[in-house]
C-alpha atoms as a PDB file:
ATOM      1  CA  MET A   1     -26.600 -94.634   2.561  1.00  0.00           C
ATOM      2  CA  SER A   2     -26.242 -92.731   5.442  1.00  0.00           C
ATOM      3  CA  ARG A   3     -29.446 -92.537   8.089  1.00  0.00           C
ATOM      4  CA  ARG A   4     -30.259 -89.425   9.490  1.00  0.00           C
ATOM      5  CA  ARG A   5     -29.903 -90.208  13.691  1.00  0.00           C
ATOM      6  CA  PHE A   6     -32.626 -88.906  15.780  1.00  0.00           C
ATOM      7  CA  SER A   7     -31.320 -86.867  18.706  1.00  0.00           C
ATOM      8  CA  GLY A   8     -33.684 -85.379  20.495  1.00  0.00           C
ATOM      9  CA  ASP A   9     -36.130 -85.665  23.177  1.00  0.00           C
ATOM     10  CA  THR A  10     -39.798 -84.720  22.256  1.00  0.00           C
ATOM     11  CA  LEU A  11     -41.486 -86.654  18.893  1.00  0.00           C
ATOM     12  CA  VAL A  12     -44.765 -85.614  17.639  1.00  0.00           C
ATOM     13  CA  ILE A  13     -46.531 -88.970  17.074  1.00  0.00           C
ATOM     14  CA  ALA A  14     -48.501 -87.729  13.488  1.00  0.00           C
ATOM     15  CA  SER A  15     -51.695 -88.941  14.152  1.00  0.00           C
ATOM     16  CA  HIS A  16     -55.168 -88.745  15.298  1.00  0.00           C
ATOM     17  CA  ASN A  17     -55.977 -92.295  15.515  1.00  0.00           C
ATOM     18  CA  ALA A  18     -55.564 -92.911  20.008  1.00  0.00           C
ATOM     19  CA  GLY A  19     -54.965 -96.868  18.750  1.00  0.00           C
ATOM     20  CA  LYS A  20     -52.028 -96.111  16.558  1.00  0.00           C
ATOM     21  CA  VAL A  21     -50.647 -93.354  19.473  1.00  0.00           C
ATOM     22  CA  ARG A  22     -50.775 -96.114  21.980  1.00  0.00           C
ATOM     23  CA  GLU A  23     -48.647 -98.718  20.424  1.00  0.00           C
ATOM     24  CA  ILE A  24     -46.361 -95.723  19.060  1.00  0.00           C
ATOM     25  CA  GLY A  25     -46.160 -94.677  22.575  1.00  0.00           C
ATOM     26  CA  ASP A  26     -45.518 -98.204  23.985  1.00  0.00           C
ATOM     27  CA  LEU A  27     -42.485 -98.532  21.132  1.00  0.00           C
ATOM     28  CA  ILE A  28     -40.486 -95.575  21.914  1.00  0.00           C
ATOM     29  CA  ALA A  29     -40.991 -95.362  25.830  1.00  0.00           C
ATOM     30  CA  PRO A  30     -37.775 -97.398  26.251  1.00  0.00           C
ATOM     31  CA  PHE A  31     -36.159 -94.887  24.061  1.00  0.00           C
ATOM     32  CA  LYS A  32     -36.710 -92.079  26.991  1.00  0.00           C
ATOM     33  CA  VAL A  33     -38.135 -90.120  24.585  1.00  0.00           C
ATOM     34  CA  ARG A  34     -41.356 -87.748  24.936  1.00  0.00           C
ATOM     35  CA  ALA A  35     -44.485 -88.692  22.616  1.00  0.00           C
ATOM     36  CA  VAL A  36     -47.027 -85.787  21.840  1.00  0.00           C
ATOM     37  CA  SER A  37     -49.634 -86.631  19.712  1.00  0.00           C
ATOM     38  CA  ALA A  38     -50.620 -84.783  16.745  1.00  0.00           C
ATOM     39  CA  GLY A  39     -54.362 -84.546  18.020  1.00  0.00           C
ATOM     40  CA  GLU A  40     -52.364 -82.849  20.977  1.00  0.00           C
ATOM     41  CA  LEU A  41     -51.029 -80.345  19.471  1.00  0.00           C
ATOM     42  CA  GLY A  42     -53.909 -79.726  17.477  1.00  0.00           C
ATOM     43  CA  LEU A  43     -52.342 -80.356  13.797  1.00  0.00           C
ATOM     44  CA  PRO A  44     -54.248 -80.707  11.220  1.00  0.00           C
ATOM     45  CA  GLU A  45     -55.079 -83.907   9.496  1.00  0.00           C
ATOM     46  CA  PRO A  46     -53.348 -84.089   6.220  1.00  0.00           C
ATOM     47  CA  GLU A  47     -55.254 -85.725   2.685  1.00  0.00           C
ATOM     48  CA  GLU A  48     -53.165 -88.864   2.466  1.00  0.00           C
ATOM     49  CA  THR A  49     -53.359 -88.332  -1.211  1.00  0.00           C
ATOM     50  CA  GLY A  50     -50.285 -90.809  -1.762  1.00  0.00           C
ATOM     51  CA  ASP A  51     -50.460 -94.194  -3.572  1.00  0.00           C
ATOM     52  CA  THR A  52     -48.450 -96.425  -1.176  1.00  0.00           C
ATOM     53  CA  PHE A  53     -48.368 -96.597   2.152  1.00  0.00           C
ATOM     54  CA  ILE A  54     -45.026 -95.254   2.942  1.00  0.00           C
ATOM     55  CA  ALA A  55     -46.027 -92.072   0.526  1.00  0.00           C
ATOM     56  CA  ASN A  56     -48.965 -91.810   2.542  1.00  0.00           C
ATOM     57  CA  ALA A  57     -46.778 -91.833   5.976  1.00  0.00           C
ATOM     58  CA  GLU A  58     -44.294 -89.283   4.648  1.00  0.00           C
ATOM     59  CA  LEU A  59     -47.277 -86.864   3.641  1.00  0.00           C
ATOM     60  CA  LYS A  60     -48.512 -87.147   7.156  1.00  0.00           C
ATOM     61  CA  ALA A  61     -44.992 -87.162   9.022  1.00  0.00           C
ATOM     62  CA  LEU A  62     -43.476 -83.859   7.274  1.00  0.00           C
ATOM     63  CA  ALA A  63     -46.592 -82.436   7.752  1.00  0.00           C
ATOM     64  CA  ALA A  64     -46.502 -82.538  11.230  1.00  0.00           C
ATOM     65  CA  ALA A  65     -42.669 -81.800  11.310  1.00  0.00           C
ATOM     66  CA  GLN A  66     -43.350 -78.382  10.025  1.00  0.00           C
ATOM     67  CA  ALA A  67     -46.132 -77.403  11.599  1.00  0.00           C
ATOM     68  CA  ALA A  68     -44.871 -78.676  15.381  1.00  0.00           C
ATOM     69  CA  GLN A  69     -41.637 -77.351  14.214  1.00  0.00           C
ATOM     70  CA  LEU A  70     -40.455 -80.677  15.837  1.00  0.00           C
ATOM     71  CA  PRO A  71     -39.293 -84.438  14.432  1.00  0.00           C
ATOM     72  CA  ALA A  72     -42.611 -86.156  13.799  1.00  0.00           C
ATOM     73  CA  LEU A  73     -43.276 -89.995  13.101  1.00  0.00           C
ATOM     74  CA  ALA A  74     -45.903 -90.862  11.147  1.00  0.00           C
ATOM     75  CA  ASP A  75     -47.872 -94.182  10.872  1.00  0.00           C
ATOM     76  CA  ASP A  76     -49.603 -95.420   7.406  1.00  0.00           C
ATOM     77  CA  SER A  77     -50.679 -98.982   8.273  1.00  0.00           C
ATOM     78  CA  GLY A  78     -53.684-101.475   7.213  1.00  0.00           C
ATOM     79  CA  MET A  79     -54.745-104.663   5.851  1.00  0.00           C
ATOM     80  CA  ALA A  80     -54.386-105.896   2.011  1.00  0.00           C
ATOM     81  CA  VAL A  81     -57.002-109.039   0.979  1.00  0.00           C
ATOM     82  CA  ASP A  82     -55.373-111.896  -1.610  1.00  0.00           C
ATOM     83  CA  ALA A  83     -59.178-112.642  -2.435  1.00  0.00           C
ATOM     84  CA  LEU A  84     -59.338-108.680  -3.032  1.00  0.00           C
ATOM     85  CA  ASP A  85     -56.808-108.024  -4.997  1.00  0.00           C
ATOM     86  CA  GLY A  86     -54.446-106.325  -1.990  1.00  0.00           C
ATOM     87  CA  ALA A  87     -57.816-104.337  -1.254  1.00  0.00           C
ATOM     88  CA  PRO A  88     -58.627-102.521   1.014  1.00  0.00           C
ATOM     89  CA  GLY A  89     -54.801-101.706   1.425  1.00  0.00           C
ATOM     90  CA  ILE A  90     -54.217 -98.228   1.458  1.00  0.00           C
ATOM     91  CA  TYR A  91     -57.742 -97.445   2.143  1.00  0.00           C
ATOM     92  CA  SER A  92     -57.995 -99.351   5.373  1.00  0.00           C
ATOM     93  CA  ALA A  93     -59.355 -96.572   7.645  1.00  0.00           C
ATOM     94  CA  ARG A  94     -61.510 -94.818   5.154  1.00  0.00           C
ATOM     95  CA  TRP A  95     -63.462 -98.318   4.941  1.00  0.00           C
ATOM     96  CA  ALA A  96     -64.527 -97.475   8.384  1.00  0.00           C
ATOM     97  CA  GLY A  97     -66.297 -94.562   7.061  1.00  0.00           C
ATOM     98  CA  ALA A  98     -66.289 -91.129   8.833  1.00  0.00           C
ATOM     99  CA  SER A  99     -67.216 -93.184  12.316  1.00  0.00           C
ATOM    100  CA  LYS A 100     -64.032 -94.933  12.383  1.00  0.00           C
ATOM    101  CA  ASP A 101     -66.835 -97.923  13.167  1.00  0.00           C
ATOM    102  CA  PHE A 102     -63.679-100.944  12.352  1.00  0.00           C
ATOM    103  CA  SER A 103     -66.897-103.308  12.981  1.00  0.00           C
ATOM    104  CA  LYS A 104     -68.466-102.259  10.432  1.00  0.00           C
ATOM    105  CA  ALA A 105     -65.164-102.376   8.229  1.00  0.00           C
ATOM    106  CA  MET A 106     -64.405-106.139   9.077  1.00  0.00           C
ATOM    107  CA  ASP A 107     -68.070-106.961   8.297  1.00  0.00           C
ATOM    108  CA  LYS A 108     -67.689-105.104   4.552  1.00  0.00           C
ATOM    109  CA  VAL A 109     -64.108-107.574   3.984  1.00  0.00           C
ATOM    110  CA  TRP A 110     -66.074-110.181   4.704  1.00  0.00           C
ATOM    111  CA  ARG A 111     -68.735-109.541   2.584  1.00  0.00           C
ATOM    112  CA  ALA A 112     -66.723-108.181  -0.297  1.00  0.00           C
ATOM    113  CA  VAL A 113     -64.524-111.830   0.208  1.00  0.00           C
ATOM    114  CA  GLU A 114     -67.540-113.984   0.073  1.00  0.00           C
ATOM    115  CA  ASP A 115     -68.665-112.233  -3.490  1.00  0.00           C
ATOM    116  CA  ARG A 116     -65.333-111.964  -4.826  1.00  0.00           C
ATOM    117  CA  ILE A 117     -64.974-115.724  -3.831  1.00  0.00           C
ATOM    118  CA  GLY A 118     -68.220-117.550  -3.668  1.00  0.00           C
ATOM    119  CA  LYS A 119     -70.140-117.865  -0.230  1.00  0.00           C
ATOM    120  CA  LYS A 120     -69.366-121.227   0.616  1.00  0.00           C
ATOM    121  CA  GLU A 121     -69.190-123.059   3.956  1.00  0.00           C
ATOM    122  CA  TRP A 122     -65.009-122.650   4.697  1.00  0.00           C
ATOM    123  CA  GLY A 123     -65.639-123.680   8.770  1.00  0.00           C
ATOM    124  CA  ALA A 124     -63.192-123.080  11.154  1.00  0.00           C
ATOM    125  CA  GLU A 125     -60.332-122.607   8.848  1.00  0.00           C
ATOM    126  CA  PRO A 126     -61.156-120.238   5.902  1.00  0.00           C
ATOM    127  CA  PRO A 127     -57.956-120.129   3.536  1.00  0.00           C
ATOM    128  CA  PHE A 128     -58.293-116.364   2.843  1.00  0.00           C
ATOM    129  CA  GLY A 129     -54.905-114.632   2.715  1.00  0.00           C
ATOM    130  CA  ALA A 130     -54.316-111.251   3.898  1.00  0.00           C
ATOM    131  CA  GLN A 131     -51.077-109.084   4.943  1.00  0.00           C
ATOM    132  CA  PHE A 132     -51.004-106.057   7.716  1.00  0.00           C
ATOM    133  CA  VAL A 133     -48.489-103.761   5.987  1.00  0.00           C
ATOM    134  CA  CYS A 134     -46.873-100.318   8.131  1.00  0.00           C
ATOM    135  CA  ALA A 135     -45.303 -97.582   6.506  1.00  0.00           C
ATOM    136  CA  LEU A 136     -43.156 -95.659   9.712  1.00  0.00           C
ATOM    137  CA  SER A 137     -41.412 -92.524   8.464  1.00  0.00           C
ATOM    138  CA  LEU A 138     -39.585 -89.665  10.607  1.00  0.00           C
ATOM    139  CA  ALA A 139     -39.352 -86.137   9.465  1.00  0.00           C
ATOM    140  CA  TRP A 140     -37.452 -83.840  10.444  1.00  0.00           C
ATOM    141  CA  PRO A 141     -38.935 -79.770   9.862  1.00  0.00           C
ATOM    142  CA  ASP A 142     -36.743 -79.259   7.211  1.00  0.00           C
ATOM    143  CA  GLY A 143     -37.407 -81.789   5.027  1.00  0.00           C
ATOM    144  CA  HIS A 144     -36.229 -85.056   5.769  1.00  0.00           C
ATOM    145  CA  VAL A 145     -37.092 -87.795   6.011  1.00  0.00           C
ATOM    146  CA  GLU A 146     -36.489 -91.766   6.639  1.00  0.00           C
ATOM    147  CA  SER A 147     -38.847 -94.324   5.984  1.00  0.00           C
ATOM    148  CA  PHE A 148     -39.603 -97.537   6.963  1.00  0.00           C
ATOM    149  CA  GLU A 149     -42.115-100.704   6.013  1.00  0.00           C
ATOM    150  CA  GLY A 150     -42.829-103.823   8.222  1.00  0.00           C
ATOM    151  CA  ILE A 151     -45.007-106.648   5.973  1.00  0.00           C
ATOM    152  CA  ILE A 152     -46.431-110.332   8.732  1.00  0.00           C
ATOM    153  CA  GLN A 153     -48.200-112.243   6.541  1.00  0.00           C
ATOM    154  CA  GLY A 154     -51.407-114.025   7.471  1.00  0.00           C
ATOM    155  CA  ARG A 155     -55.255-115.015   7.218  1.00  0.00           C
ATOM    156  CA  LEU A 156     -59.097-113.812   7.892  1.00  0.00           C
ATOM    157  CA  VAL A 157     -60.348-115.558  10.189  1.00  0.00           C
ATOM    158  CA  TRP A 158     -64.410-115.078  10.603  1.00  0.00           C
ATOM    159  CA  PRO A 159     -65.934-114.177  12.941  1.00  0.00           C
ATOM    160  CA  PRO A 160     -64.341-111.927  14.195  1.00  0.00           C
ATOM    161  CA  ARG A 161     -62.027-112.623  17.817  1.00  0.00           C
ATOM    162  CA  GLY A 162     -61.166-110.444  20.742  1.00  0.00           C
ATOM    163  CA  LEU A 163     -61.184-107.213  22.613  1.00  0.00           C
ATOM    164  CA  HIS A 164     -57.109-105.871  22.463  1.00  0.00           C
ATOM    165  CA  GLY A 165     -55.944-104.039  19.290  1.00  0.00           C
ATOM    166  CA  PHE A 166     -57.670-101.371  17.458  1.00  0.00           C
ATOM    167  CA  GLY A 167     -58.866-101.848  13.349  1.00  0.00           C
ATOM    168  CA  TYR A 168     -58.993-105.072  11.780  1.00  0.00           C
ATOM    169  CA  ASP A 169     -56.954-106.637  14.341  1.00  0.00           C
ATOM    170  CA  PRO A 170     -60.151-109.159  15.408  1.00  0.00           C
ATOM    171  CA  MET A 171     -59.730-110.578  12.217  1.00  0.00           C
ATOM    172  CA  PHE A 172     -56.453-111.429  11.237  1.00  0.00           C
ATOM    173  CA  LEU A 173     -54.903-114.326  12.348  1.00  0.00           C
ATOM    174  CA  PRO A 174     -50.842-113.575  11.374  1.00  0.00           C
ATOM    175  CA  GLN A 175     -48.773-116.732  10.586  1.00  0.00           C
ATOM    176  CA  THR A 176     -45.753-117.551  12.843  1.00  0.00           C
ATOM    177  CA  LYS A 177     -42.713-120.052  13.075  1.00  0.00           C
ATOM    178  CA  ASP A 178     -44.748-121.544  15.887  1.00  0.00           C
ATOM    179  CA  GLY A 179     -48.428-121.256  14.372  1.00  0.00           C
ATOM    180  CA  GLU A 180     -50.084-118.721  16.332  1.00  0.00           C
ATOM    181  CA  THR A 181     -53.511-119.742  16.962  1.00  0.00           C
ATOM    182  CA  ARG A 182     -55.133-116.330  18.094  1.00  0.00           C
ATOM    183  CA  THR A 183     -55.829-113.323  16.452  1.00  0.00           C
ATOM    184  CA  PHE A 184     -54.361-109.585  16.732  1.00  0.00           C
ATOM    185  CA  GLY A 185     -57.310-108.977  18.357  1.00  0.00           C
ATOM    186  CA  GLU A 186     -57.117-111.912  21.335  1.00  0.00           C
ATOM    187  CA  MET A 187     -53.236-111.052  22.279  1.00  0.00           C
ATOM    188  CA  PRO A 188     -51.922-109.298  24.681  1.00  0.00           C
ATOM    189  CA  ALA A 189     -50.410-105.916  23.608  1.00  0.00           C
ATOM    190  CA  ALA A 190     -46.671-106.935  24.459  1.00  0.00           C
ATOM    191  CA  GLU A 191     -47.531-110.470  22.563  1.00  0.00           C
ATOM    192  CA  LYS A 192     -48.582-108.289  19.555  1.00  0.00           C
ATOM    193  CA  HIS A 193     -45.724-106.002  19.674  1.00  0.00           C
ATOM    194  CA  ALA A 194     -43.432-108.142  19.435  1.00  0.00           C
ATOM    195  CA  ILE A 195     -44.402-109.834  16.228  1.00  0.00           C
ATOM    196  CA  SER A 196     -46.349-107.579  14.003  1.00  0.00           C
ATOM    197  CA  HIS A 197     -45.619-105.287  10.918  1.00  0.00           C
ATOM    198  CA  ARG A 198     -46.130-101.912  13.386  1.00  0.00           C
ATOM    199  CA  ALA A 199     -42.729-103.494  14.894  1.00  0.00           C
ATOM    200  CA  LEU A 200     -41.054-104.640  12.325  1.00  0.00           C
ATOM    201  CA  ALA A 201     -41.267-101.176  10.930  1.00  0.00           C
ATOM    202  CA  PHE A 202     -40.058 -99.758  14.415  1.00  0.00           C
ATOM    203  CA  ARG A 203     -37.002-102.662  14.573  1.00  0.00           C
ATOM    204  CA  GLN A 204     -35.895-101.021  10.989  1.00  0.00           C
ATOM    205  CA  LEU A 205     -36.151 -97.690  12.016  1.00  0.00           C
ATOM    206  CA  ILE A 206     -34.618 -98.131  15.452  1.00  0.00           C
ATOM    207  CA  ASP A 207     -31.430 -99.618  14.504  1.00  0.00           C
ATOM    208  CA  ALA A 208     -31.296 -97.044  11.419  1.00  0.00           C
ATOM    209  CA  CYS A 209     -31.696 -94.115  13.447  1.00  0.00           C
ATOM    210  CA  PHE A 210     -32.167 -94.460  17.351  1.00  0.00           C
ATOM    211  CA  SER A 211     -29.292 -96.794  17.950  1.00  0.00           C
END
């Protein structure tokens, strides 16, 4: 199946999340595309009614593209914890509440895992598998959408470590071939961008629509 190519010079980032806008802006910068956020344009945030990451990404991308009359790129991402049957998943942002307090969200995740598994002395290497998932959707004002998904495996750590990144990054230790020992929250942005779920989805997007 052929993909539609992006040929413009301006791309709306369909997000009001400053962390996501910054990461996506960094990723598209080498392609000389000007990024403008939905927040900058005063676009409303649509209700996320999809039941998958891709469904929500497509919903947000289409809403922004049609409102701005420009191509728009939307991200829907989150952390899925094995012990919680994939929660918080598509509700990852909602676990942070209206104030987007991810310190509270991380604590909520950890308490939920302890409640599910039973409190034990897990030590420094808690055996709690998790994944970060990112869906990226590129939409045009005429309703055409291209979507991609990236997943990185890892595990939870507690207490959270690191001040970089955003969201659940400080409690997620990615699984890498070289045995990474730092959480996403401890990694400089460039190193995280090289391996993250968002980077994996973004490479697919670039190969299909920009290269």
